[in-house]
Every structure is written in structure tokens, then in C-alpha cells.
Amino acid sequence: MASKKLPNISPELRKQILEEDPAAFSKILPSVKHIRLIIHEVIFSTDTTWGKRFDVVLLWAILFSLVAIMLESVPDIRHGYGDVLLILEWVFTGIFTLEYLMRVWVSHKPKAYVFSFFGVIDFLAVIPTYISLFVAGSHFLLVIRAIRLLRVFRILKLVRYVKGAQLIGAGLNASKEKIFVFLTAVVTLVVILGTLMYTIEGGENGFDSIPRSIYWAVVTLTTVGYGDIAPGTVLGQFVASLIMILGYSIIAVPTGIVSAEMNRVSKDDSRTCSRCGETSHYENARFCHKCGERIVLDS
């Protein structure tokens, strides 16, 4: 009976439901508790057919909504099809709002989901439309939905790409103290240099305040060089030249810090499961303790 009624739920979930209520699938509808478990598996898991279909449909909905938002920003299209695009925007927002509420409802720990990375992104993906009722133009912030496309790595089970992202994250996390010290030193440097240029140039060449001079120092130190402000005195130009040369030296520092940490993390964790992505294996283990797959040694 169970296999005919719910062919796409996992065997583990089917077993759990039948242990709690042997007649669950013979009823018109299972209990609310079991409905929540089934919906949770569909929404949060990609191991079942319906779970994969749900995520694929969700990704297409995100893509179409992003296209609609971009088209609305084109004046000619907005004037000709503005009403249609507005309707589409509210339809997609309604779908994503319902999806978000469902995720909160079926989550085992709703608070943990709400404040998780994807929980915050899911919320930010719908709130701009409602804010646009009071603040014109804010609905264009809906492009944040693009971040939700990161789920494609989980859906397609691109484990090696996920591991690559984890490696970058681990490298950034391991080097956060060094980066913080580096950024603090850079901020201190641009404050000093900006104040120095304000003293040298004054307001005649655009350095009419210390904050504006600091802005110039940031632009110059990062080698962006907008050119909206430029020193006019010989001494100011000499200091500017030193800042430009210093900028090339400074840019390489954070890259080296993160690269070194990523290399260290990569050496410390050189084994990954090609099936589930598990990296914390037992010493000398040849098979993944999580899914049983043979462990692949990264070269």
C-alpha cells in the first residue's frame, strides 16, 4: 500500500512513518506530523524523485524571475509590457513566499533555518517586492535571488565543486585574523595619507576636506584612479606616486595570505568522497563511513 501511495519518499522515511502509524498510508491523508516529514524531505532533500523535481522547478522559477526583473529595467520594454511584468513579479513573489513559509513550517529547527545563510537569502528574495509598495524601485533588489542558484551544486551533486567552495571558505576562515590585521593597517594608512594630502593640497585641487582626501587615498592606493581629484603641487604629485607604487605591493598581500592558508587546508584534508562529499574520514579508511563509497585520494 505504501509503495503505491507514496512511491517517491525514501525507504527510511516510509519505514519511520509505518512504525509510528501502520495505517498511515491507508488513510485519505497521513497525519499533520507525517505530512510535514514528507514535505520536509521533498523541499530539503534531493535524494528522491520529487525532491529533485522540486529543486529543478524552483531553479527555473528563479531564472525566469531574474529575467523578468532585468527586462523591467529596460525603459522600452517597461512601457510596453510593464503590467505583464508586474503580474509576473507578484506571481513569482507569491510562489517564493509560500516556499519560504513551507520551509519554516517543516523545518525541525525553524529558528536555525531562518537565521541560516540560505534562510536569510530566501527571506531577502521575497521582501523587496513588499517593500516596493512603500518605497518605489526597491523591487529591483530582487536580483538577490540569483544567490539561490547556488543550490544547483547540491541538486546536481557536483561534489568536487562543493569541495572547492569549502576549501576556499576554510582558507578565508583560517586567515581571517591576518586579513583583519592587514585591513586595519590599510585603513590606518589611508587615513594618514588622506590627511597628509589635505594638508599639502588644500581645497584648490579638490582636497577640500579630510574625508574627501581619504576617498582619494583609497582610490589611488587600490590603483583604481578615477581621476576626479588630482594633486596639483609637485610635493602632492610625489606623494601620489609613492602611494600608487605602494598600492601594487599591498594588493598582493591578502592574495598570498589566503593562498597559503588554502594550500595548508588542502594538505590537511586531502581525501574526499566523490559521492556525498564527506571529508572527515577515519584514519587509513578506504571507504566512506557515511555512504560506503570508495574514498578518492586527491592528487
Protein backbone atom coordinates (compact mmCIF):
# COMPACT_ATOMS: atom_id res chain seq x y z
CA MET A 1 0.00 0.00 0.00
CA ALA A 2 2.74 2.43 0.95
CA SER A 3 4.74 1.93 -2.20
CA LYS A 4 1.65 2.63 -4.34
CA LYS A 5 0.51 5.65 -2.38
CA LEU A 6 3.88 7.38 -1.96
CA PRO A 7 6.38 5.86 -4.40
CA ASN A 8 8.80 8.76 -4.20
CA ILE A 9 9.50 9.04 -0.49
CA SER A 10 12.69 7.47 0.79
CA PRO A 11 12.57 3.96 2.31
CA GLU A 12 13.84 5.36 5.60
CA LEU A 13 11.00 7.87 5.87
CA ARG A 14 8.42 5.28 4.80
CA LYS A 15 9.70 2.91 7.48
CA GLN A 16 9.60 5.63 10.13
CA ILE A 17 6.02 6.60 9.27
CA LEU A 18 4.83 2.98 9.22
CA GLU A 19 6.45 2.31 12.60
CA GLU A 20 4.63 5.28 14.10
CA ASP A 21 1.33 4.58 12.32
CA PRO A 22 0.95 1.28 10.40
CA ALA A 23 -2.27 2.56 8.79
CA ALA A 24 -0.83 5.95 7.76
CA PHE A 25 -0.92 5.30 4.01
CA SER A 26 -4.29 3.61 4.03
CA LYS A 27 -5.91 6.85 5.13
CA ILE A 28 -7.01 9.63 2.79
CA LEU A 29 -4.24 11.80 4.22
CA PRO A 30 -1.47 10.99 6.71
CA SER A 31 -1.33 12.93 9.96
CA VAL A 32 -0.08 16.52 10.01
CA LYS A 33 3.17 15.33 11.55
CA HIS A 34 3.80 12.87 8.74
CA ILE A 35 2.78 15.40 6.10
CA ARG A 36 5.42 17.73 7.50
CA LEU A 37 8.02 14.96 7.33
CA ILE A 38 7.13 14.21 3.71
CA ILE A 39 7.19 17.88 2.68
CA HIS A 40 10.48 18.34 4.53
CA GLU A 41 12.06 15.53 2.55
CA VAL A 42 10.76 16.96 -0.75
CA ILE A 43 11.92 20.52 0.00
CA PHE A 44 15.24 19.88 1.72
CA SER A 45 16.40 16.63 0.11
CA THR A 46 17.43 15.79 -3.44
CA ASP A 47 17.63 12.03 -2.92
CA THR A 48 14.05 11.42 -4.06
CA THR A 49 12.43 11.98 -7.44
CA TRP A 50 10.06 14.63 -6.11
CA GLY A 51 12.87 16.34 -4.23
CA LYS A 52 14.89 16.69 -7.43
CA ARG A 53 11.87 17.86 -9.39
CA PHE A 54 11.03 20.44 -6.74
CA ASP A 55 14.52 21.94 -6.81
CA VAL A 56 14.75 21.92 -10.61
CA VAL A 57 11.38 23.70 -10.91
CA LEU A 58 12.49 26.15 -8.23
CA LEU A 59 15.69 26.94 -10.14
CA TRP A 60 13.76 27.59 -13.35
CA ALA A 61 11.37 29.85 -11.44
CA ILE A 62 14.34 31.81 -10.06
CA LEU A 63 15.84 32.18 -13.54
CA PHE A 64 12.57 33.37 -15.07
CA SER A 65 12.00 35.83 -12.24
CA LEU A 66 15.50 37.26 -12.72
CA VAL A 67 14.88 37.68 -16.45
CA ALA A 68 11.59 39.46 -15.71
CA ILE A 69 13.32 41.83 -13.28
CA MET A 70 16.04 42.65 -15.80
CA LEU A 71 13.56 43.22 -18.62
CA GLU A 72 11.56 45.59 -16.44
CA SER A 73 14.63 47.81 -16.08
CA VAL A 74 14.65 48.41 -19.88
CA PRO A 75 12.52 51.56 -20.50
CA ASP A 76 11.02 50.44 -23.84
CA ILE A 77 10.05 47.02 -22.51
CA ARG A 78 8.72 48.50 -19.26
CA HIS A 79 6.48 50.94 -21.16
CA GLY A 80 5.15 48.23 -23.47
CA TYR A 81 4.85 45.26 -21.10
CA GLY A 82 5.04 46.81 -17.64
CA ASP A 83 1.69 45.40 -16.49
CA VAL A 84 2.60 41.86 -17.58
CA LEU A 85 5.99 42.05 -15.88
CA LEU A 86 4.37 43.40 -12.70
CA ILE A 87 1.94 40.48 -12.63
CA LEU A 88 4.79 38.02 -13.19
CA GLU A 89 6.76 39.64 -10.39
CA TRP A 90 3.92 39.19 -7.91
CA VAL A 91 3.27 35.63 -9.11
CA PHE A 92 6.92 34.65 -8.55
CA THR A 93 6.98 36.51 -5.23
CA GLY A 94 3.87 34.60 -4.13
CA ILE A 95 5.49 31.29 -5.09
CA PHE A 96 8.73 32.09 -3.25
CA THR A 97 6.83 33.41 -0.22
CA LEU A 98 4.83 30.19 0.01
CA GLU A 99 8.02 28.17 -0.40
CA TYR A 100 9.75 30.16 2.37
CA LEU A 101 6.81 29.70 4.76
CA MET A 102 6.74 25.99 3.96
CA ARG A 103 10.44 25.68 4.73
CA VAL A 104 9.93 27.39 8.07
CA TRP A 105 6.91 25.22 8.87
CA VAL A 106 8.53 21.85 8.11
CA SER A 107 12.00 22.64 9.48
CA HIS A 108 12.97 20.58 12.51
CA LYS A 109 14.56 23.74 13.92
CA PRO A 110 12.74 26.70 12.33
CA LYS A 111 14.88 29.31 14.08
CA ALA A 112 18.08 27.67 12.87
CA TYR A 113 16.79 27.72 9.28
CA VAL A 114 15.53 31.32 9.45
CA PHE A 115 18.96 32.59 10.56
CA SER A 116 20.99 30.26 8.34
CA PHE A 117 22.69 31.53 5.17
CA PHE A 118 20.06 30.20 2.79
CA GLY A 119 17.28 31.10 5.22
CA VAL A 120 18.30 34.75 5.16
CA ILE A 121 18.71 34.67 1.37
CA ASP A 122 15.28 33.06 0.94
CA PHE A 123 13.76 35.84 3.05
CA LEU A 124 15.61 38.60 1.18
CA ALA A 125 14.42 37.05 -2.09
CA VAL A 126 10.80 37.99 -1.35
CA ILE A 127 10.83 41.01 0.96
CA PRO A 128 11.84 43.66 -1.66
CA THR A 129 8.55 43.20 -3.52
CA TYR A 130 6.57 44.01 -0.38
CA ILE A 131 8.88 46.93 0.42
CA SER A 132 8.23 48.29 -3.09
CA LEU A 133 4.64 49.00 -2.00
CA PHE A 134 6.11 51.77 0.18
CA VAL A 135 9.49 52.52 -1.45
CA ALA A 136 9.47 52.84 -5.24
CA GLY A 137 12.15 50.93 -7.13
CA SER A 138 13.19 48.69 -4.26
CA HIS A 139 11.84 45.61 -6.08
CA PHE A 140 14.94 45.63 -8.28
CA LEU A 141 16.80 44.33 -5.21
CA LEU A 142 15.10 41.02 -6.01
CA VAL A 143 18.17 40.17 -8.09
CA ILE A 144 19.49 38.77 -4.80
CA ARG A 145 17.51 35.69 -5.87
CA ALA A 146 20.49 34.88 -8.06
CA ILE A 147 22.32 33.70 -4.93
CA ARG A 148 19.70 30.98 -4.58
CA LEU A 149 21.06 29.45 -7.77
CA LEU A 150 23.94 28.14 -5.64
CA ARG A 151 21.61 25.26 -4.86
CA VAL A 152 22.41 23.89 -8.31
CA PHE A 153 25.62 22.41 -6.86
CA ARG A 154 23.59 20.44 -4.32
CA ILE A 155 20.94 19.38 -6.83
CA LEU A 156 23.36 18.17 -9.49
CA LYS A 157 25.61 16.70 -6.79
CA LEU A 158 28.70 18.45 -8.09
CA VAL A 159 30.66 17.26 -5.08
CA ARG A 160 34.05 18.36 -6.30
CA TYR A 161 32.78 21.90 -6.91
CA VAL A 162 31.22 21.93 -3.46
CA LYS A 163 34.52 20.76 -2.00
CA GLY A 164 36.27 23.55 -3.88
CA ALA A 165 33.92 26.08 -2.31
CA GLN A 166 34.51 24.53 1.10
CA LEU A 167 38.27 24.79 0.56
CA ILE A 168 38.01 28.50 -0.27
CA GLY A 169 35.76 29.05 2.74
CA ALA A 170 38.16 27.19 5.01
CA GLY A 171 41.09 29.21 3.67
CA LEU A 172 39.28 32.51 4.27
CA ASN A 173 38.20 31.41 7.74
CA ALA A 174 41.72 30.31 8.68
CA SER A 175 43.21 33.61 7.51
CA LYS A 176 40.55 35.97 8.89
CA GLU A 177 42.75 37.23 11.74
CA LYS A 178 45.63 38.03 9.37
CA ILE A 179 43.27 39.73 6.92
CA PHE A 180 41.72 41.77 9.74
CA VAL A 181 45.15 42.99 10.84
CA PHE A 182 46.04 43.76 7.23
CA LEU A 183 42.83 45.72 6.60
CA THR A 184 43.29 47.63 9.86
CA ALA A 185 46.78 48.63 8.75
CA VAL A 186 45.49 49.70 5.32
CA VAL A 187 42.66 51.79 6.83
CA THR A 188 45.14 53.48 9.16
CA LEU A 189 47.45 54.13 6.21
CA VAL A 190 44.78 55.74 4.00
CA VAL A 191 43.64 57.94 6.89
CA ILE A 192 47.21 59.18 7.37
CA LEU A 193 47.84 59.62 3.64
CA GLY A 194 44.50 61.33 3.08
CA THR A 195 45.16 63.77 5.90
CA LEU A 196 48.67 64.39 4.54
CA MET A 197 47.31 65.19 1.06
CA TYR A 198 44.70 67.51 2.56
CA THR A 199 47.49 69.37 4.32
CA ILE A 200 49.65 69.54 1.17
CA GLU A 201 47.00 70.34 -1.45
CA GLY A 202 44.21 72.12 0.43
CA GLY A 203 40.92 72.87 -1.30
CA GLU A 204 42.29 74.37 -4.51
CA ASN A 205 42.78 71.00 -6.23
CA GLY A 206 39.69 69.27 -4.83
CA PHE A 207 41.11 68.16 -1.49
CA ASP A 208 38.62 70.34 0.36
CA SER A 209 38.11 68.03 3.37
CA ILE A 210 39.86 65.14 5.10
CA PRO A 211 37.09 62.58 4.24
CA ARG A 212 37.32 63.55 0.55
CA SER A 213 41.10 63.29 0.73
CA ILE A 214 40.79 59.84 2.34
CA TYR A 215 38.48 58.82 -0.52
CA TRP A 216 41.20 59.89 -2.98
CA ALA A 217 43.79 57.91 -1.00
CA VAL A 218 41.64 54.77 -1.15
CA VAL A 219 41.08 55.16 -4.92
CA THR A 220 44.79 55.77 -5.51
CA LEU A 221 46.09 53.04 -3.19
CA THR A 222 43.84 50.44 -4.86
CA THR A 223 45.15 51.62 -8.28
CA VAL A 224 41.60 52.42 -9.47
CA GLY A 225 42.36 56.08 -10.20
CA TYR A 226 39.07 57.71 -11.20
CA GLY A 227 40.80 61.00 -11.91
CA ASP A 228 38.03 63.15 -10.42
CA ILE A 229 40.59 64.55 -7.96
CA ALA A 230 44.26 65.01 -8.76
CA PRO A 231 47.13 66.71 -6.92
CA GLY A 232 48.41 69.94 -8.46
CA THR A 233 51.55 70.61 -6.44
CA VAL A 234 54.91 68.96 -7.01
CA LEU A 235 55.00 67.60 -3.47
CA GLY A 236 51.46 66.26 -3.77
CA GLN A 237 52.28 64.52 -7.05
CA PHE A 238 55.39 62.98 -5.48
CA VAL A 239 53.33 61.60 -2.56
CA ALA A 240 50.70 60.35 -5.02
CA SER A 241 53.39 58.49 -6.98
CA LEU A 242 54.58 56.77 -3.81
CA ILE A 243 51.01 55.78 -2.96
CA MET A 244 50.49 54.29 -6.42
CA ILE A 245 53.68 52.22 -6.17
CA LEU A 246 52.72 51.18 -2.64
CA GLY A 247 49.32 50.09 -3.91
CA TYR A 248 50.80 47.43 -6.19
CA SER A 249 52.69 45.98 -3.24
CA ILE A 250 49.69 45.95 -0.95
CA ILE A 251 47.31 44.28 -3.42
CA ALA A 252 49.40 41.07 -3.42
CA VAL A 253 49.35 40.67 0.38
CA PRO A 254 45.79 39.31 1.00
CA THR A 255 46.09 37.02 -2.03
CA GLY A 256 49.24 35.47 -0.59
CA ILE A 257 47.69 35.07 2.86
CA VAL A 258 44.58 33.29 1.60
CA SER A 259 46.54 31.17 -0.90
CA ALA A 260 48.89 29.95 1.81
CA GLU A 261 46.01 29.01 4.09
CA MET A 262 44.14 27.26 1.27
CA ASN A 263 47.25 25.25 0.47
CA ARG A 264 47.62 24.27 4.12
CA VAL A 265 43.95 23.27 4.43
CA SER A 266 44.19 21.28 1.20
CA LYS A 267 47.17 19.30 2.54
CA ASP A 268 45.47 18.68 5.87
CA ASP A 269 42.34 17.37 4.18
CA SER A 270 43.35 15.59 1.01
CA ARG A 271 40.62 12.93 0.90
CA THR A 272 37.06 13.42 -0.23
CA CYS A 273 34.13 11.14 -1.01
CA SER A 274 33.07 11.56 -4.63
CA ARG A 275 29.53 10.55 -3.77
CA CYS A 276 28.49 12.52 -0.68
CA GLY A 277 31.38 14.98 -0.29
CA GLU A 278 32.32 13.82 3.22
CA THR A 279 35.87 14.84 4.13
CA SER A 280 36.21 13.75 7.78
CA HIS A 281 37.18 10.11 7.43
CA TYR A 282 38.74 7.68 9.84
CA GLU A 283 42.50 7.28 9.61
CA ASN A 284 43.57 4.85 6.85
CA ALA A 285 39.91 4.30 5.87
CA ARG A 286 39.40 3.14 2.29
CA PHE A 287 35.63 3.57 2.27
CA CYS A 288 33.44 6.49 3.32
CA HIS A 289 31.89 5.89 6.75
CA LYS A 290 28.88 7.95 5.71
CA CYS A 291 27.77 6.36 2.42
CA GLY A 292 30.16 3.45 1.83
CA GLU A 293 31.71 4.85 -1.36
CA ARG A 294 35.40 4.13 -2.02
CA ILE A 295 37.43 7.16 -0.94
CA VAL A 296 39.23 9.03 -3.71
CA LEU A 297 42.66 10.41 -2.88
CA ASP A 298 43.13 13.89 -4.29
CA SER A 299 46.38 14.39 -6.08
